[in-house]
Amino acid sequence: MEQIPLAAARRETTGKGPARQMRAAEQVPAVLYSGGKEAAKLTIDKAEIDRVLRVSTGGTAFLSLSVESDPPRMAVIKELQFDYLGKTVLHADFYEVRADQELTVDVPIELVGEPKGMTAGALLSQPAYTAALTGTVASIPDSLSLDVSELEIGDALYAEDLSVPEGAKLAQEDNFMVVSLSEAVLALEEEEEEGEEGELAEGEEAAEGEEGSAEGEKKAAEDGE
């Protein structure tokens, strides 16, 4: 998986007040966690965080994290905290990893080709957009391709049909559906049937109302006699 460069600087301050000041200066407070080592408090340009999120795949990013003059470290995004709108990053946590360390990552699935059975009445559905893979940074791909060109109406492809590169493996059962091709007309027919049933019910109610009205008129006439 491609490493994305990210520059950071050390910080000494902590607490809500300094954090607000950093954000006002377009800086994002961050923490880098390393196994067995003291966590490093960092600050990163907001524009840099936004750039990483734009180029990362499926929300997953392998980073080459440079902290001032130190040699770059291999890291992944551990957690991001956003504002109430879910747009602005308020805080970032990173986790340092080794080249030989196995990780489990959600990798995006990209469909390739045009299904043979794709017609005006067909519906291509993709229940799964990612697949969890376990492997090292070098063995996990940026994305997984799935060829759908042989699909006919009624066919489906599953996780077991994904081409997982050597050194990586699925971290979940391989029998979950990724994509299927079905007849969309069936859904339309069901909707039409439901509509007809609704019209029929309304017609019956109207008829009952007319009968009730006629009985009321008859009774009023009898009372008048």
C-alpha atoms as a PDB file:
ATOM      1  CA  MET A   1       0.000   0.000   0.000  1.00  0.00           C
ATOM      2  CA  GLU A   2       1.328   3.433  -0.921  1.00  0.00           C
ATOM      3  CA  GLN A   3       2.667   5.569   1.913  1.00  0.00           C
ATOM      4  CA  ILE A   4       1.433   9.148   2.093  1.00  0.00           C
ATOM      5  CA  PRO A   5       3.941  11.733   3.363  1.00  0.00           C
ATOM      6  CA  LEU A   6       2.815  13.863   6.301  1.00  0.00           C
ATOM      7  CA  ALA A   7       4.813  16.496   8.181  1.00  0.00           C
ATOM      8  CA  ALA A   8       4.311  17.230  11.868  1.00  0.00           C
ATOM      9  CA  ALA A   9       5.889  19.330  14.641  1.00  0.00           C
ATOM     10  CA  ARG A  10       6.263  18.652  18.355  1.00  0.00           C
ATOM     11  CA  ARG A  11       4.190  20.566  20.899  1.00  0.00           C
ATOM     12  CA  GLU A  12       4.535  21.007  24.646  1.00  0.00           C
ATOM     13  CA  THR A  13       1.140  22.463  25.491  1.00  0.00           C
ATOM     14  CA  THR A  14      -1.952  20.450  26.391  1.00  0.00           C
ATOM     15  CA  GLY A  15      -5.517  21.247  27.402  1.00  0.00           C
ATOM     16  CA  LYS A  16      -8.580  22.831  25.812  1.00  0.00           C
ATOM     17  CA  GLY A  17      -7.272  26.409  25.752  1.00  0.00           C
ATOM     18  CA  PRO A  18      -4.066  25.706  23.793  1.00  0.00           C
ATOM     19  CA  ALA A  19      -6.005  23.302  21.530  1.00  0.00           C
ATOM     20  CA  ARG A  20      -8.473  26.078  20.641  1.00  0.00           C
ATOM     21  CA  GLN A  21      -5.570  28.410  19.879  1.00  0.00           C
ATOM     22  CA  MET A  22      -3.980  25.805  17.598  1.00  0.00           C
ATOM     23  CA  ARG A  23      -7.218  25.285  15.701  1.00  0.00           C
ATOM     24  CA  ALA A  24      -7.657  29.041  15.323  1.00  0.00           C
ATOM     25  CA  ALA A  25      -4.193  29.064  13.719  1.00  0.00           C
ATOM     26  CA  GLU A  26      -5.256  26.279  11.272  1.00  0.00           C
ATOM     27  CA  GLN A  27      -3.302  23.656  13.255  1.00  0.00           C
ATOM     28  CA  VAL A  28      -4.614  20.269  14.403  1.00  0.00           C
ATOM     29  CA  PRO A  29      -3.403  18.814  17.725  1.00  0.00           C
ATOM     30  CA  ALA A  30      -2.326  15.198  17.334  1.00  0.00           C
ATOM     31  CA  VAL A  31      -0.757  12.293  19.225  1.00  0.00           C
ATOM     32  CA  LEU A  32       1.545   9.557  17.882  1.00  0.00           C
ATOM     33  CA  TYR A  33       1.369   6.281  19.803  1.00  0.00           C
ATOM     34  CA  SER A  34       4.255   3.813  19.619  1.00  0.00           C
ATOM     35  CA  GLY A  35       4.215   0.399  21.257  1.00  0.00           C
ATOM     36  CA  GLY A  36       6.213   0.496  24.496  1.00  0.00           C
ATOM     37  CA  LYS A  37       7.191   4.144  24.047  1.00  0.00           C
ATOM     38  CA  GLU A  38       5.835   7.392  25.422  1.00  0.00           C
ATOM     39  CA  ALA A  39       3.207   8.954  23.159  1.00  0.00           C
ATOM     40  CA  ALA A  40       4.458  11.980  21.225  1.00  0.00           C
ATOM     41  CA  LYS A  41       2.365  15.163  21.261  1.00  0.00           C
ATOM     42  CA  LEU A  42       2.270  16.762  17.801  1.00  0.00           C
ATOM     43  CA  THR A  43       0.690  19.526  15.794  1.00  0.00           C
ATOM     44  CA  ILE A  44      -0.097  19.289  12.079  1.00  0.00           C
ATOM     45  CA  ASP A  45      -1.259  21.813   9.505  1.00  0.00           C
ATOM     46  CA  LYS A  46      -4.990  21.448   8.888  1.00  0.00           C
ATOM     47  CA  ALA A  47      -4.340  21.635   5.130  1.00  0.00           C
ATOM     48  CA  GLU A  48      -2.018  18.618   5.422  1.00  0.00           C
ATOM     49  CA  ILE A  49      -4.647  16.564   7.250  1.00  0.00           C
ATOM     50  CA  ASP A  50      -7.246  17.493   4.633  1.00  0.00           C
ATOM     51  CA  ARG A  51      -4.834  16.464   1.857  1.00  0.00           C
ATOM     52  CA  VAL A  52      -4.268  13.060   3.434  1.00  0.00           C
ATOM     53  CA  LEU A  53      -8.007  12.447   3.697  1.00  0.00           C
ATOM     54  CA  ARG A  54      -8.492  13.388   0.032  1.00  0.00           C
ATOM     55  CA  VAL A  55      -5.894  10.937  -1.258  1.00  0.00           C
ATOM     56  CA  SER A  56      -6.459   8.096   1.210  1.00  0.00           C
ATOM     57  CA  THR A  57      -8.431   5.056   0.066  1.00  0.00           C
ATOM     58  CA  GLY A  58     -11.559   4.085   1.955  1.00  0.00           C
ATOM     59  CA  GLY A  59     -10.571   6.215   4.938  1.00  0.00           C
ATOM     60  CA  THR A  60      -7.399   4.148   5.377  1.00  0.00           C
ATOM     61  CA  ALA A  61      -4.014   5.833   5.125  1.00  0.00           C
ATOM     62  CA  PHE A  62      -0.491   4.462   5.537  1.00  0.00           C
ATOM     63  CA  LEU A  63       1.706   7.423   6.379  1.00  0.00           C
ATOM     64  CA  SER A  64       5.343   8.376   6.175  1.00  0.00           C
ATOM     65  CA  LEU A  65       5.197  10.668   9.189  1.00  0.00           C
ATOM     66  CA  SER A  66       8.054  13.158   9.501  1.00  0.00           C
ATOM     67  CA  VAL A  67       8.376  14.847  12.903  1.00  0.00           C
ATOM     68  CA  GLU A  68      10.653  17.848  12.373  1.00  0.00           C
ATOM     69  CA  SER A  69      14.210  16.589  11.639  1.00  0.00           C
ATOM     70  CA  ASP A  70      13.622  12.995  12.804  1.00  0.00           C
ATOM     71  CA  PRO A  71      13.689  10.162  10.229  1.00  0.00           C
ATOM     72  CA  PRO A  72      10.205   9.437   8.800  1.00  0.00           C
ATOM     73  CA  ARG A  73       8.120   6.900  10.706  1.00  0.00           C
ATOM     74  CA  MET A  74       5.654   4.438   9.251  1.00  0.00           C
ATOM     75  CA  ALA A  75       2.236   5.122  10.797  1.00  0.00           C
ATOM     76  CA  VAL A  76      -1.501   4.689  10.321  1.00  0.00           C
ATOM     77  CA  ILE A  77      -4.463   6.809  11.345  1.00  0.00           C
ATOM     78  CA  LYS A  78      -5.768   5.452  14.646  1.00  0.00           C
ATOM     79  CA  GLU A  79      -8.648   7.880  15.182  1.00  0.00           C
ATOM     80  CA  LEU A  80      -9.897  11.248  13.937  1.00  0.00           C
ATOM     81  CA  GLN A  81     -12.219  13.524  15.903  1.00  0.00           C
ATOM     82  CA  PHE A  82     -14.455  15.809  13.829  1.00  0.00           C
ATOM     83  CA  ASP A  83     -16.639  18.793  14.609  1.00  0.00           C
ATOM     84  CA  TYR A  84     -20.417  18.395  14.946  1.00  0.00           C
ATOM     85  CA  LEU A  85     -20.810  18.770  11.168  1.00  0.00           C
ATOM     86  CA  GLY A  86     -18.357  15.954  10.536  1.00  0.00           C
ATOM     87  CA  LYS A  87     -16.212  18.095   8.216  1.00  0.00           C
ATOM     88  CA  THR A  88     -13.386  19.658  10.246  1.00  0.00           C
ATOM     89  CA  VAL A  89     -10.787  17.509  12.008  1.00  0.00           C
ATOM     90  CA  LEU A  90     -10.370  18.644  15.613  1.00  0.00           C
ATOM     91  CA  HIS A  91      -7.843  16.046  16.792  1.00  0.00           C
ATOM     92  CA  ALA A  92      -5.849  13.201  15.237  1.00  0.00           C
ATOM     93  CA  ASP A  93      -4.347  10.052  16.743  1.00  0.00           C
ATOM     94  CA  PHE A  94      -1.686   8.082  14.861  1.00  0.00           C
ATOM     95  CA  TYR A  95      -0.146   4.699  15.557  1.00  0.00           C
ATOM     96  CA  GLU A  96       3.418   3.827  14.570  1.00  0.00           C
ATOM     97  CA  VAL A  97       3.841   0.449  12.843  1.00  0.00           C
ATOM     98  CA  ARG A  98       6.768  -1.711  11.770  1.00  0.00           C
ATOM     99  CA  ALA A  99       7.362  -2.934   8.234  1.00  0.00           C
ATOM    100  CA  ASP A 100       6.936  -6.568   9.356  1.00  0.00           C
ATOM    101  CA  GLN A 101       3.878  -5.890  11.513  1.00  0.00           C
ATOM    102  CA  GLU A 102       0.552  -7.388  10.442  1.00  0.00           C
ATOM    103  CA  LEU A 103      -2.431  -5.045  10.319  1.00  0.00           C
ATOM    104  CA  THR A 104      -6.102  -5.441   9.493  1.00  0.00           C
ATOM    105  CA  VAL A 105      -7.365  -2.789   7.104  1.00  0.00           C
ATOM    106  CA  ASP A 106     -10.606  -2.132   5.197  1.00  0.00           C
ATOM    107  CA  VAL A 107      -9.649  -2.010   1.512  1.00  0.00           C
ATOM    108  CA  PRO A 108     -12.040  -0.517  -1.089  1.00  0.00           C
ATOM    109  CA  ILE A 109     -13.471  -2.799  -3.796  1.00  0.00           C
ATOM    110  CA  GLU A 110     -13.515  -1.487  -7.359  1.00  0.00           C
ATOM    111  CA  LEU A 111     -15.806  -3.094  -9.950  1.00  0.00           C
ATOM    112  CA  VAL A 112     -14.281  -3.634 -13.392  1.00  0.00           C
ATOM    113  CA  GLY A 113     -16.122  -4.211 -16.671  1.00  0.00           C
ATOM    114  CA  GLU A 114     -19.731  -4.131 -17.879  1.00  0.00           C
ATOM    115  CA  PRO A 115     -21.951  -7.131 -16.988  1.00  0.00           C
ATOM    116  CA  LYS A 116     -23.066  -9.243 -19.963  1.00  0.00           C
ATOM    117  CA  GLY A 117     -26.602  -9.274 -18.647  1.00  0.00           C
ATOM    118  CA  MET A 118     -26.785  -5.528 -18.094  1.00  0.00           C
ATOM    119  CA  THR A 119     -29.963  -4.356 -19.874  1.00  0.00           C
ATOM    120  CA  ALA A 120     -32.502  -1.603 -19.377  1.00  0.00           C
ATOM    121  CA  GLY A 121     -34.353  -3.830 -16.908  1.00  0.00           C
ATOM    122  CA  ALA A 122     -31.309  -5.003 -14.916  1.00  0.00           C
ATOM    123  CA  LEU A 123     -30.132  -3.720 -11.553  1.00  0.00           C
ATOM    124  CA  LEU A 124     -26.470  -3.965 -10.466  1.00  0.00           C
ATOM    125  CA  SER A 125     -26.275  -3.965  -6.675  1.00  0.00           C
ATOM    126  CA  GLN A 126     -23.093  -3.752  -4.574  1.00  0.00           C
ATOM    127  CA  PRO A 127     -23.786  -4.622  -0.910  1.00  0.00           C
ATOM    128  CA  ALA A 128     -20.074  -4.510   0.048  1.00  0.00           C
ATOM    129  CA  TYR A 129     -17.773  -1.627  -0.879  1.00  0.00           C
ATOM    130  CA  THR A 130     -14.793  -2.744   1.231  1.00  0.00           C
ATOM    131  CA  ALA A 131     -13.158  -5.963   2.384  1.00  0.00           C
ATOM    132  CA  ALA A 132     -11.048  -6.381   5.522  1.00  0.00           C
ATOM    133  CA  LEU A 133      -7.538  -7.649   4.737  1.00  0.00           C
ATOM    134  CA  THR A 134      -4.777  -8.712   7.121  1.00  0.00           C
ATOM    135  CA  GLY A 135      -1.144  -8.320   6.108  1.00  0.00           C
ATOM    136  CA  THR A 136       1.892  -6.072   6.201  1.00  0.00           C
ATOM    137  CA  VAL A 137       1.945  -2.566   4.751  1.00  0.00           C
ATOM    138  CA  ALA A 138       3.773  -3.884   1.671  1.00  0.00           C
ATOM    139  CA  SER A 139       1.324  -6.743   1.029  1.00  0.00           C
ATOM    140  CA  ILE A 140      -1.983  -4.860   1.437  1.00  0.00           C
ATOM    141  CA  PRO A 141      -3.097  -3.231  -1.852  1.00  0.00           C
ATOM    142  CA  ASP A 142      -4.637   0.224  -2.248  1.00  0.00           C
ATOM    143  CA  SER A 143      -7.778  -1.416  -3.661  1.00  0.00           C
ATOM    144  CA  LEU A 144      -9.219  -4.765  -4.778  1.00  0.00           C
ATOM    145  CA  SER A 145     -10.526  -5.197  -8.342  1.00  0.00           C
ATOM    146  CA  LEU A 146     -13.501  -7.428  -9.119  1.00  0.00           C
ATOM    147  CA  ASP A 147     -14.353  -8.285 -12.733  1.00  0.00           C
ATOM    148  CA  VAL A 148     -18.136  -8.232 -13.260  1.00  0.00           C
ATOM    149  CA  SER A 149     -18.119  -8.609 -17.052  1.00  0.00           C
ATOM    150  CA  GLU A 150     -19.415 -12.230 -16.969  1.00  0.00           C
ATOM    151  CA  LEU A 151     -22.435 -11.492 -14.783  1.00  0.00           C
ATOM    152  CA  GLU A 152     -25.854 -12.492 -16.111  1.00  0.00           C
ATOM    153  CA  ILE A 153     -29.265 -11.817 -14.557  1.00  0.00           C
ATOM    154  CA  GLY A 154     -29.464 -13.750 -11.286  1.00  0.00           C
ATOM    155  CA  ASP A 155     -25.668 -14.036 -10.862  1.00  0.00           C
ATOM    156  CA  ALA A 156     -23.669 -12.798  -7.880  1.00  0.00           C
ATOM    157  CA  LEU A 157     -20.019 -12.548  -6.840  1.00  0.00           C
ATOM    158  CA  TYR A 158     -18.711 -13.077  -3.319  1.00  0.00           C
ATOM    159  CA  ALA A 159     -15.623 -12.204  -1.290  1.00  0.00           C
ATOM    160  CA  GLU A 160     -14.055 -15.494  -2.342  1.00  0.00           C
ATOM    161  CA  ASP A 161     -14.036 -14.163  -5.922  1.00  0.00           C
ATOM    162  CA  LEU A 162     -11.743 -11.266  -4.975  1.00  0.00           C
ATOM    163  CA  SER A 163      -8.117 -11.477  -6.110  1.00  0.00           C
ATOM    164  CA  VAL A 164      -6.222 -11.052  -2.838  1.00  0.00           C
ATOM    165  CA  PRO A 165      -2.469 -10.569  -3.387  1.00  0.00           C
ATOM    166  CA  GLU A 166       0.121 -12.897  -1.921  1.00  0.00           C
ATOM    167  CA  GLY A 167       1.047 -12.015   1.647  1.00  0.00           C
ATOM    168  CA  ALA A 168      -2.428 -10.732   2.494  1.00  0.00           C
ATOM    169  CA  LYS A 169      -5.602 -12.589   3.445  1.00  0.00           C
ATOM    170  CA  LEU A 170      -9.250 -11.870   4.100  1.00  0.00           C
ATOM    171  CA  ALA A 171      -9.852 -11.066   7.747  1.00  0.00           C
ATOM    172  CA  GLN A 172     -13.497 -12.198   7.547  1.00  0.00           C
ATOM    173  CA  GLU A 173     -15.617 -14.976   6.101  1.00  0.00           C
ATOM    174  CA  ASP A 174     -15.348 -15.211   2.311  1.00  0.00           C
ATOM    175  CA  ASN A 175     -19.023 -16.044   1.701  1.00  0.00           C
ATOM    176  CA  PHE A 176     -20.436 -12.511   1.941  1.00  0.00           C
ATOM    177  CA  MET A 177     -21.906 -11.063  -1.247  1.00  0.00           C
ATOM    178  CA  VAL A 178     -20.047  -8.247  -2.949  1.00  0.00           C
ATOM    179  CA  VAL A 179     -22.156  -7.611  -6.058  1.00  0.00           C
ATOM    180  CA  SER A 180     -25.227  -9.051  -7.793  1.00  0.00           C
ATOM    181  CA  LEU A 181     -27.216  -8.526 -10.990  1.00  0.00           C
ATOM    182  CA  SER A 182     -31.004  -8.816 -10.732  1.00  0.00           C
ATOM    183  CA  GLU A 183     -34.129  -8.017 -12.734  1.00  0.00           C
ATOM    184  CA  ALA A 184     -35.307  -4.571 -11.694  1.00  0.00           C
ATOM    185  CA  VAL A 185     -38.687  -5.067 -13.428  1.00  0.00           C
ATOM    186  CA  LEU A 186     -39.727  -7.438 -10.656  1.00  0.00           C
ATOM    187  CA  ALA A 187     -39.541  -4.634  -8.129  1.00  0.00           C
ATOM    188  CA  LEU A 188     -41.616  -2.407 -10.409  1.00  0.00           C
ATOM    189  CA  GLU A 189     -44.273  -5.110 -10.806  1.00  0.00           C
ATOM    190  CA  GLU A 190     -44.505  -5.504  -7.029  1.00  0.00           C
ATOM    191  CA  GLU A 191     -44.982  -1.763  -6.646  1.00  0.00           C
ATOM    192  CA  GLU A 192     -47.719  -1.824  -9.305  1.00  0.00           C
ATOM    193  CA  GLU A 193     -49.469  -4.722  -7.540  1.00  0.00           C
ATOM    194  CA  GLU A 194     -49.325  -2.851  -4.238  1.00  0.00           C
ATOM    195  CA  GLY A 195     -50.767   0.199  -5.980  1.00  0.00           C
ATOM    196  CA  GLU A 196     -53.617  -1.839  -7.450  1.00  0.00           C
ATOM    197  CA  GLU A 197     -54.394  -3.325  -4.030  1.00  0.00           C
ATOM    198  CA  GLY A 198     -54.487   0.170  -2.568  1.00  0.00           C
ATOM    199  CA  GLU A 199     -56.846   1.374  -5.297  1.00  0.00           C
ATOM    200  CA  LEU A 200     -59.066  -1.654  -4.744  1.00  0.00           C
ATOM    201  CA  ALA A 201     -59.206  -0.987  -1.003  1.00  0.00           C
ATOM    202  CA  GLU A 202     -60.087   2.643  -1.617  1.00  0.00           C
ATOM    203  CA  GLY A 203     -62.818   1.565  -4.038  1.00  0.00           C
ATOM    204  CA  GLU A 204     -64.277  -0.808  -1.461  1.00  0.00           C
ATOM    205  CA  GLU A 205     -64.266   1.920   1.172  1.00  0.00           C
ATOM    206  CA  ALA A 206     -65.984   4.282  -1.226  1.00  0.00           C
ATOM    207  CA  ALA A 207     -68.614   1.655  -2.030  1.00  0.00           C
ATOM    208  CA  GLU A 208     -69.225   1.032   1.671  1.00  0.00           C
ATOM    209  CA  GLY A 209     -69.577   4.788   2.159  1.00  0.00           C
ATOM    210  CA  GLU A 210     -72.136   4.996  -0.639  1.00  0.00           C
ATOM    211  CA  GLU A 211     -74.118   2.116   0.861  1.00  0.00           C
ATOM    212  CA  GLY A 212     -74.054   3.777   4.265  1.00  0.00           C
ATOM    213  CA  SER A 213     -75.249   7.041   2.744  1.00  0.00           C
ATOM    214  CA  ALA A 214     -78.081   5.309   0.901  1.00  0.00           C
ATOM    215  CA  GLU A 215     -79.225   3.556   4.087  1.00  0.00           C
ATOM    216  CA  GLY A 216     -79.143   6.878   5.921  1.00  0.00           C
ATOM    217  CA  GLU A 217     -81.310   8.537   3.281  1.00  0.00           C
ATOM    218  CA  LYS A 218     -83.778   5.627   3.379  1.00  0.00           C
ATOM    219  CA  LYS A 219     -84.057   5.830   7.189  1.00  0.00           C
ATOM    220  CA  ALA A 220     -84.581   9.584   7.053  1.00  0.00           C
ATOM    221  CA  ALA A 221     -87.372   9.107   4.556  1.00  0.00           C
ATOM    222  CA  GLU A 222     -89.056   6.492   6.730  1.00  0.00           C
ATOM    223  CA  ASP A 223     -88.791   8.768   9.790  1.00  0.00           C
ATOM    224  CA  GLY A 224     -90.370  11.545   7.778  1.00  0.00           C
ATOM    225  CA  GLU A 225     -93.323   9.301   6.934  1.00  0.00           C
END
